């Protein structure tokens, strides 16, 4: 099952476009400054290159938006395109440079709170597709 590259590509593309969890809340345990990839206009009309997050602030990580971001996945980000998972595809360059989760997806989260059941879920998904 692990030697079926097109199956892997189809599974990754389905998980990218149809994440089971669309967003997840997190609470800042300490004050932090988050740098932005592009300047953002504030409510006062000025531009900023970072955002200060006070301790205790509730933050929502939008997995669905990240997995379909044109800046990360290219102009066809919302299209079902399994070929983007083969190394020669340049459309995933932004995601490869920015996202660090499983296969550069945020579907299972990332870091110490990454979904513990991701390997089971992937195996079950592939087995059910094969049979």
N, C-alpha and C. Protein backbone atom coordinates (compact mmCIF):
# COMPACT_ATOMS: atom_id res chain seq x y z
N UNK A 1 0.81 -1.19 0.00
CA UNK A 1 0.00 0.00 0.00
C UNK A 1 0.86 1.26 0.00
N UNK A 2 2.04 1.20 0.60
CA UNK A 2 2.92 2.36 0.63
C UNK A 2 3.68 2.56 -0.68
N UNK A 3 3.57 1.62 -1.59
CA UNK A 3 4.27 1.73 -2.87
C UNK A 3 3.30 2.04 -4.00
N UNK A 4 2.25 2.76 -3.67
CA UNK A 4 1.25 3.16 -4.66
C UNK A 4 1.23 4.69 -4.71
N UNK A 5 2.14 5.29 -5.48
CA UNK A 5 2.28 6.75 -5.45
C UNK A 5 1.03 7.50 -5.88
N UNK A 6 0.27 6.97 -6.84
CA UNK A 6 -0.92 7.69 -7.27
C UNK A 6 -2.01 7.64 -6.19
N UNK A 7 -2.11 6.51 -5.48
CA UNK A 7 -3.04 6.42 -4.36
C UNK A 7 -2.66 7.45 -3.29
N UNK A 8 -1.37 7.54 -2.98
CA UNK A 8 -0.91 8.54 -2.01
C UNK A 8 -1.28 9.95 -2.46
N UNK A 9 -1.08 10.24 -3.74
CA UNK A 9 -1.39 11.57 -4.27
C UNK A 9 -2.88 11.87 -4.17
N UNK A 10 -3.72 10.90 -4.49
CA UNK A 10 -5.18 11.10 -4.42
C UNK A 10 -5.59 11.30 -2.96
N UNK A 11 -5.07 10.50 -2.04
CA UNK A 11 -5.40 10.64 -0.62
C UNK A 11 -4.97 12.01 -0.11
N UNK A 12 -3.76 12.43 -0.44
CA UNK A 12 -3.27 13.74 0.00
C UNK A 12 -4.14 14.87 -0.55
N UNK A 13 -4.55 14.75 -1.79
CA UNK A 13 -5.38 15.79 -2.40
C UNK A 13 -6.76 15.83 -1.77
N UNK A 14 -7.34 14.67 -1.46
CA UNK A 14 -8.64 14.64 -0.78
C UNK A 14 -8.50 15.27 0.60
N UNK A 15 -7.44 14.93 1.34
CA UNK A 15 -7.23 15.49 2.67
C UNK A 15 -6.97 17.00 2.61
N UNK A 16 -6.33 17.45 1.55
CA UNK A 16 -6.07 18.88 1.39
C UNK A 16 -7.37 19.65 1.17
N UNK A 17 -8.22 19.14 0.30
CA UNK A 17 -9.44 19.85 -0.06
C UNK A 17 -10.60 19.62 0.90
N UNK A 18 -10.60 18.48 1.60
CA UNK A 18 -11.74 18.13 2.45
C UNK A 18 -11.27 17.69 3.84
N UNK A 19 -10.62 18.58 4.54
CA UNK A 19 -10.13 18.27 5.88
C UNK A 19 -11.31 18.00 6.82
N UNK A 20 -11.18 16.99 7.65
CA UNK A 20 -12.26 16.65 8.59
C UNK A 20 -12.48 17.78 9.60
N UNK A 21 -11.41 18.43 10.00
CA UNK A 21 -11.49 19.57 10.92
C UNK A 21 -11.12 20.81 10.13
N UNK A 22 -12.04 21.75 10.01
CA UNK A 22 -11.83 22.94 9.18
C UNK A 22 -10.98 23.99 9.88
N UNK A 23 -11.08 24.06 11.20
CA UNK A 23 -10.29 25.02 11.97
C UNK A 23 -10.16 24.51 13.39
N UNK A 24 -9.15 25.04 14.09
CA UNK A 24 -8.94 24.59 15.46
C UNK A 24 -8.52 25.79 16.32
N UNK A 25 -9.14 25.93 17.49
CA UNK A 25 -8.78 27.05 18.36
C UNK A 25 -7.54 26.72 19.20
N UNK A 26 -6.76 27.73 19.46
CA UNK A 26 -5.61 27.62 20.35
C UNK A 26 -5.57 28.86 21.23
N UNK A 27 -5.00 28.74 22.40
CA UNK A 27 -4.88 29.86 23.32
C UNK A 27 -3.40 30.18 23.51
N UNK A 28 -3.04 31.46 23.37
CA UNK A 28 -1.64 31.87 23.52
C UNK A 28 -1.24 31.75 24.99
N UNK A 29 -0.22 30.95 25.27
CA UNK A 29 0.22 30.76 26.65
C UNK A 29 1.15 31.87 27.12
N UNK A 30 1.68 32.62 26.16
CA UNK A 30 2.52 33.77 26.47
C UNK A 30 2.40 34.79 25.35
N UNK A 31 2.76 36.02 25.63
CA UNK A 31 2.71 37.05 24.59
C UNK A 31 3.71 36.71 23.50
N UNK A 32 3.34 36.97 22.26
CA UNK A 32 4.23 36.66 21.14
C UNK A 32 3.99 37.65 20.01
N UNK A 33 4.96 37.78 19.14
CA UNK A 33 4.84 38.62 17.95
C UNK A 33 4.96 37.70 16.74
N UNK A 34 3.95 37.73 15.88
CA UNK A 34 3.93 36.86 14.71
C UNK A 34 4.30 37.69 13.48
N UNK A 35 5.40 37.36 12.81
CA UNK A 35 5.75 38.09 11.58
C UNK A 35 4.80 37.69 10.44
N UNK A 36 4.50 38.63 9.57
CA UNK A 36 3.61 38.37 8.44
C UNK A 36 4.43 38.22 7.17
N UNK A 37 3.97 37.40 6.24
CA UNK A 37 4.68 37.22 4.97
C UNK A 37 4.52 38.43 4.07
N UNK A 38 3.42 39.16 4.26
CA UNK A 38 3.16 40.39 3.49
C UNK A 38 2.64 41.44 4.47
N UNK A 39 2.95 42.73 4.24
CA UNK A 39 2.41 43.77 5.12
C UNK A 39 0.88 43.75 5.10
N UNK A 40 0.29 44.09 6.24
CA UNK A 40 -1.16 44.09 6.38
C UNK A 40 -1.62 45.49 6.79
N UNK A 41 -2.73 45.96 6.19
CA UNK A 41 -3.29 47.26 6.56
C UNK A 41 -4.09 47.11 7.85
N UNK A 42 -3.83 47.98 8.82
CA UNK A 42 -4.54 47.95 10.09
C UNK A 42 -5.83 48.77 9.98
N UNK A 43 -6.63 48.77 11.04
CA UNK A 43 -7.88 49.52 11.06
C UNK A 43 -7.63 51.02 10.93
N UNK A 44 -6.46 51.49 11.34
CA UNK A 44 -6.15 52.92 11.24
C UNK A 44 -5.62 53.31 9.87
N UNK A 45 -5.40 52.34 9.01
CA UNK A 45 -4.92 52.63 7.66
C UNK A 45 -3.41 52.51 7.50
N UNK A 46 -2.69 52.26 8.58
CA UNK A 46 -1.24 52.08 8.48
C UNK A 46 -0.95 50.61 8.14
N UNK A 47 0.27 50.35 7.74
CA UNK A 47 0.67 48.98 7.43
C UNK A 47 1.58 48.45 8.52
N UNK A 48 1.46 47.15 8.79
CA UNK A 48 2.31 46.50 9.78
C UNK A 48 2.87 45.21 9.18
N UNK A 49 4.03 44.81 9.65
CA UNK A 49 4.66 43.58 9.17
C UNK A 49 4.63 42.48 10.22
N UNK A 50 3.98 42.75 11.36
CA UNK A 50 3.85 41.74 12.41
C UNK A 50 2.59 42.01 13.22
N UNK A 51 2.17 41.00 13.97
CA UNK A 51 0.99 41.11 14.82
C UNK A 51 1.38 40.67 16.23
N UNK A 52 1.06 41.50 17.20
CA UNK A 52 1.33 41.17 18.60
C UNK A 52 0.13 40.40 19.15
N UNK A 53 0.38 39.25 19.74
CA UNK A 53 -0.66 38.40 20.31
C UNK A 53 -0.47 38.39 21.83
N UNK A 54 -1.36 39.02 22.59
CA UNK A 54 -1.24 39.01 24.06
C UNK A 54 -1.51 37.62 24.64
N UNK A 55 -0.94 37.36 25.80
CA UNK A 55 -1.17 36.09 26.49
C UNK A 55 -2.66 35.91 26.74
N UNK A 56 -3.15 34.68 26.55
CA UNK A 56 -4.55 34.36 26.79
C UNK A 56 -5.45 34.59 25.58
N UNK A 57 -4.92 35.16 24.52
CA UNK A 57 -5.73 35.41 23.32
C UNK A 57 -6.10 34.09 22.66
N UNK A 58 -7.37 33.96 22.29
CA UNK A 58 -7.84 32.78 21.56
C UNK A 58 -7.53 32.98 20.08
N UNK A 59 -6.82 32.04 19.48
CA UNK A 59 -6.44 32.11 18.08
C UNK A 59 -7.09 30.94 17.36
N UNK A 60 -7.64 31.19 16.19
CA UNK A 60 -8.24 30.12 15.39
C UNK A 60 -7.32 29.86 14.20
N UNK A 61 -6.86 28.62 14.07
CA UNK A 61 -6.01 28.22 12.94
C UNK A 61 -6.94 27.65 11.87
N UNK A 62 -7.04 28.35 10.72
CA UNK A 62 -7.99 27.92 9.68
C UNK A 62 -7.38 26.89 8.73
N UNK A 63 -7.44 25.60 9.11
CA UNK A 63 -6.85 24.55 8.29
C UNK A 63 -7.38 24.57 6.86
N UNK A 64 -8.69 24.70 6.71
CA UNK A 64 -9.30 24.66 5.37
C UNK A 64 -8.76 25.80 4.50
N UNK A 65 -8.61 26.99 5.07
CA UNK A 65 -8.09 28.12 4.31
C UNK A 65 -6.62 27.91 3.94
N UNK A 66 -5.83 27.40 4.86
CA UNK A 66 -4.41 27.15 4.57
C UNK A 66 -4.25 26.08 3.49
N UNK A 67 -5.08 25.05 3.55
CA UNK A 67 -4.98 23.96 2.58
C UNK A 67 -5.45 24.36 1.19
N UNK A 68 -6.14 25.48 1.06
CA UNK A 68 -6.64 25.94 -0.25
C UNK A 68 -6.08 27.31 -0.62
N UNK A 69 -5.04 27.75 0.05
CA UNK A 69 -4.46 29.06 -0.19
C UNK A 69 -3.76 29.13 -1.54
N UNK A 70 -4.15 30.11 -2.35
CA UNK A 70 -3.54 30.29 -3.67
C UNK A 70 -2.06 30.64 -3.54
N UNK A 71 -1.70 31.40 -2.51
CA UNK A 71 -0.29 31.77 -2.34
C UNK A 71 0.59 30.57 -1.99
N UNK A 72 0.00 29.53 -1.42
CA UNK A 72 0.77 28.34 -1.06
C UNK A 72 0.66 27.23 -2.09
N UNK A 73 -0.49 27.09 -2.72
CA UNK A 73 -0.75 25.95 -3.60
C UNK A 73 -0.84 26.31 -5.07
N UNK A 74 -0.72 27.59 -5.41
CA UNK A 74 -0.77 28.00 -6.81
C UNK A 74 -2.17 28.41 -7.24
N UNK A 75 -2.30 28.89 -8.47
CA UNK A 75 -3.58 29.42 -8.95
C UNK A 75 -4.70 28.38 -9.02
N UNK A 76 -4.34 27.12 -9.08
CA UNK A 76 -5.36 26.06 -9.13
C UNK A 76 -5.57 25.41 -7.75
N UNK A 77 -5.40 26.18 -6.70
CA UNK A 77 -5.45 25.67 -5.33
C UNK A 77 -6.77 25.00 -4.98
N UNK A 78 -7.85 25.44 -5.57
CA UNK A 78 -9.17 24.88 -5.23
C UNK A 78 -9.56 23.72 -6.14
N UNK A 79 -8.71 23.39 -7.08
CA UNK A 79 -8.99 22.28 -8.02
C UNK A 79 -8.43 20.97 -7.48
N UNK A 80 -9.13 19.88 -7.77
CA UNK A 80 -8.64 18.55 -7.40
C UNK A 80 -7.59 18.14 -8.43
N UNK A 81 -6.33 18.09 -7.98
CA UNK A 81 -5.22 17.84 -8.89
C UNK A 81 -4.17 16.96 -8.19
N UNK A 82 -4.34 15.63 -8.21
CA UNK A 82 -3.40 14.74 -7.53
C UNK A 82 -1.95 14.88 -8.02
N UNK A 83 -1.78 15.30 -9.26
CA UNK A 83 -0.42 15.41 -9.80
C UNK A 83 0.43 16.44 -9.06
N UNK A 84 -0.19 17.33 -8.28
CA UNK A 84 0.60 18.33 -7.54
C UNK A 84 1.49 17.66 -6.49
N UNK A 85 1.22 16.39 -6.16
CA UNK A 85 1.99 15.71 -5.12
C UNK A 85 3.23 15.02 -5.65
N UNK A 86 3.44 15.07 -6.94
CA UNK A 86 4.66 14.50 -7.49
C UNK A 86 5.71 15.61 -7.52
N UNK A 87 6.94 15.28 -7.22
CA UNK A 87 7.98 16.28 -7.00
C UNK A 87 8.18 17.26 -8.15
N UNK A 88 7.90 16.84 -9.36
CA UNK A 88 8.12 17.74 -10.48
C UNK A 88 7.09 18.87 -10.56
N UNK A 89 6.03 18.80 -9.78
CA UNK A 89 5.00 19.84 -9.80
C UNK A 89 5.48 21.04 -8.99
N UNK A 90 5.54 22.19 -9.62
CA UNK A 90 6.01 23.40 -8.95
C UNK A 90 4.90 24.13 -8.21
N UNK A 91 3.64 23.71 -8.39
CA UNK A 91 2.51 24.39 -7.77
C UNK A 91 2.50 24.31 -6.26
N UNK A 92 3.22 23.36 -5.67
CA UNK A 92 3.23 23.22 -4.21
C UNK A 92 4.45 23.87 -3.57
N UNK A 93 5.22 24.62 -4.33
CA UNK A 93 6.44 25.23 -3.78
C UNK A 93 6.15 26.09 -2.56
N UNK A 94 5.11 26.95 -2.63
CA UNK A 94 4.78 27.81 -1.49
C UNK A 94 4.45 27.01 -0.25
N UNK A 95 3.69 25.94 -0.41
CA UNK A 95 3.33 25.09 0.73
C UNK A 95 4.55 24.38 1.28
N UNK A 96 5.41 23.89 0.40
CA UNK A 96 6.61 23.18 0.86
C UNK A 96 7.51 24.10 1.67
N UNK A 97 7.54 25.38 1.32
CA UNK A 97 8.40 26.33 2.03
C UNK A 97 7.77 26.86 3.31
N UNK A 98 6.44 26.84 3.39
CA UNK A 98 5.74 27.48 4.50
C UNK A 98 5.19 26.49 5.52
N UNK A 99 4.54 25.44 5.07
CA UNK A 99 3.86 24.51 5.97
C UNK A 99 4.75 23.33 6.32
N UNK A 100 4.71 22.92 7.58
CA UNK A 100 5.60 21.85 8.03
C UNK A 100 4.86 20.59 8.46
N UNK A 101 3.55 20.58 8.42
CA UNK A 101 2.77 19.41 8.86
C UNK A 101 2.95 18.22 7.93
N UNK A 102 2.16 17.18 8.15
CA UNK A 102 2.22 15.98 7.33
C UNK A 102 2.04 16.34 5.87
N UNK A 103 3.03 16.05 5.05
CA UNK A 103 3.00 16.32 3.60
C UNK A 103 2.66 17.79 3.30
N UNK A 104 3.06 18.68 4.18
CA UNK A 104 2.82 20.12 4.04
C UNK A 104 1.34 20.46 4.09
N UNK A 105 0.57 19.61 4.74
CA UNK A 105 -0.86 19.85 4.95
C UNK A 105 -1.08 20.23 6.40
N UNK A 106 -2.11 21.00 6.65
CA UNK A 106 -2.47 21.30 8.03
C UNK A 106 -3.65 20.44 8.49
N UNK A 107 -4.06 19.48 7.69
CA UNK A 107 -5.21 18.64 8.00
C UNK A 107 -5.08 17.97 9.36
N UNK A 108 -3.89 17.54 9.73
CA UNK A 108 -3.67 16.86 11.01
C UNK A 108 -3.00 17.77 12.04
N UNK A 109 -2.90 19.04 11.74
CA UNK A 109 -2.22 19.96 12.63
C UNK A 109 -0.71 19.82 12.46
N UNK A 110 0.03 20.35 13.41
CA UNK A 110 1.49 20.31 13.35
C UNK A 110 2.05 20.47 14.75
N UNK A 111 3.29 20.07 14.92
CA UNK A 111 3.98 20.26 16.19
C UNK A 111 3.56 19.26 17.25
N UNK A 112 3.76 19.61 18.52
CA UNK A 112 3.51 18.66 19.60
C UNK A 112 2.04 18.28 19.76
N UNK A 113 1.13 19.05 19.16
CA UNK A 113 -0.30 18.72 19.27
C UNK A 113 -0.86 18.17 17.96
N UNK A 114 0.03 17.66 17.12
CA UNK A 114 -0.42 17.04 15.88
C UNK A 114 -1.29 15.83 16.20
N UNK A 115 -2.27 15.55 15.37
CA UNK A 115 -3.19 14.43 15.58
C UNK A 115 -2.44 13.11 15.77
N UNK A 116 -2.67 12.47 16.89
CA UNK A 116 -1.98 11.21 17.18
C UNK A 116 -2.50 10.07 16.30
N UNK A 117 -3.72 10.18 15.81
CA UNK A 117 -4.32 9.12 15.01
C UNK A 117 -4.11 9.28 13.51
N UNK A 118 -3.21 10.17 13.09
CA UNK A 118 -3.05 10.44 11.65
C UNK A 118 -2.62 9.21 10.87
N UNK A 119 -1.69 8.42 11.38
CA UNK A 119 -1.23 7.25 10.65
C UNK A 119 -2.34 6.20 10.53
N UNK A 120 -3.10 6.01 11.61
CA UNK A 120 -4.24 5.10 11.55
C UNK A 120 -5.27 5.59 10.54
N UNK A 121 -5.57 6.88 10.57
CA UNK A 121 -6.55 7.45 9.64
C UNK A 121 -6.10 7.29 8.20
N UNK A 122 -4.84 7.55 7.92
CA UNK A 122 -4.31 7.40 6.56
C UNK A 122 -4.37 5.95 6.09
N UNK A 123 -3.99 5.05 6.96
CA UNK A 123 -4.02 3.62 6.60
C UNK A 123 -5.45 3.17 6.34
N UNK A 124 -6.36 3.55 7.21
CA UNK A 124 -7.76 3.16 7.03
C UNK A 124 -8.33 3.75 5.74
N UNK A 125 -8.01 4.99 5.46
CA UNK A 125 -8.48 5.65 4.24
C UNK A 125 -7.98 4.90 3.01
N UNK A 126 -6.72 4.53 2.99
CA UNK A 126 -6.14 3.84 1.82
C UNK A 126 -6.72 2.43 1.67
N UNK A 127 -6.89 1.72 2.77
CA UNK A 127 -7.42 0.36 2.71
C UNK A 127 -8.85 0.39 2.19
N UNK A 128 -9.65 1.30 2.66
CA UNK A 128 -11.03 1.41 2.21
C UNK A 128 -11.11 1.80 0.75
N UNK A 129 -10.15 2.52 0.22
CA UNK A 129 -10.14 2.91 -1.19
C UNK A 129 -9.67 1.76 -2.08
N UNK A 130 -8.83 0.90 -1.51
CA UNK A 130 -8.29 -0.20 -2.29
C UNK A 130 -9.30 -1.33 -2.48
N UNK A 131 -10.12 -1.56 -1.48
CA UNK A 131 -11.02 -2.71 -1.51
C UNK A 131 -12.45 -2.31 -1.70
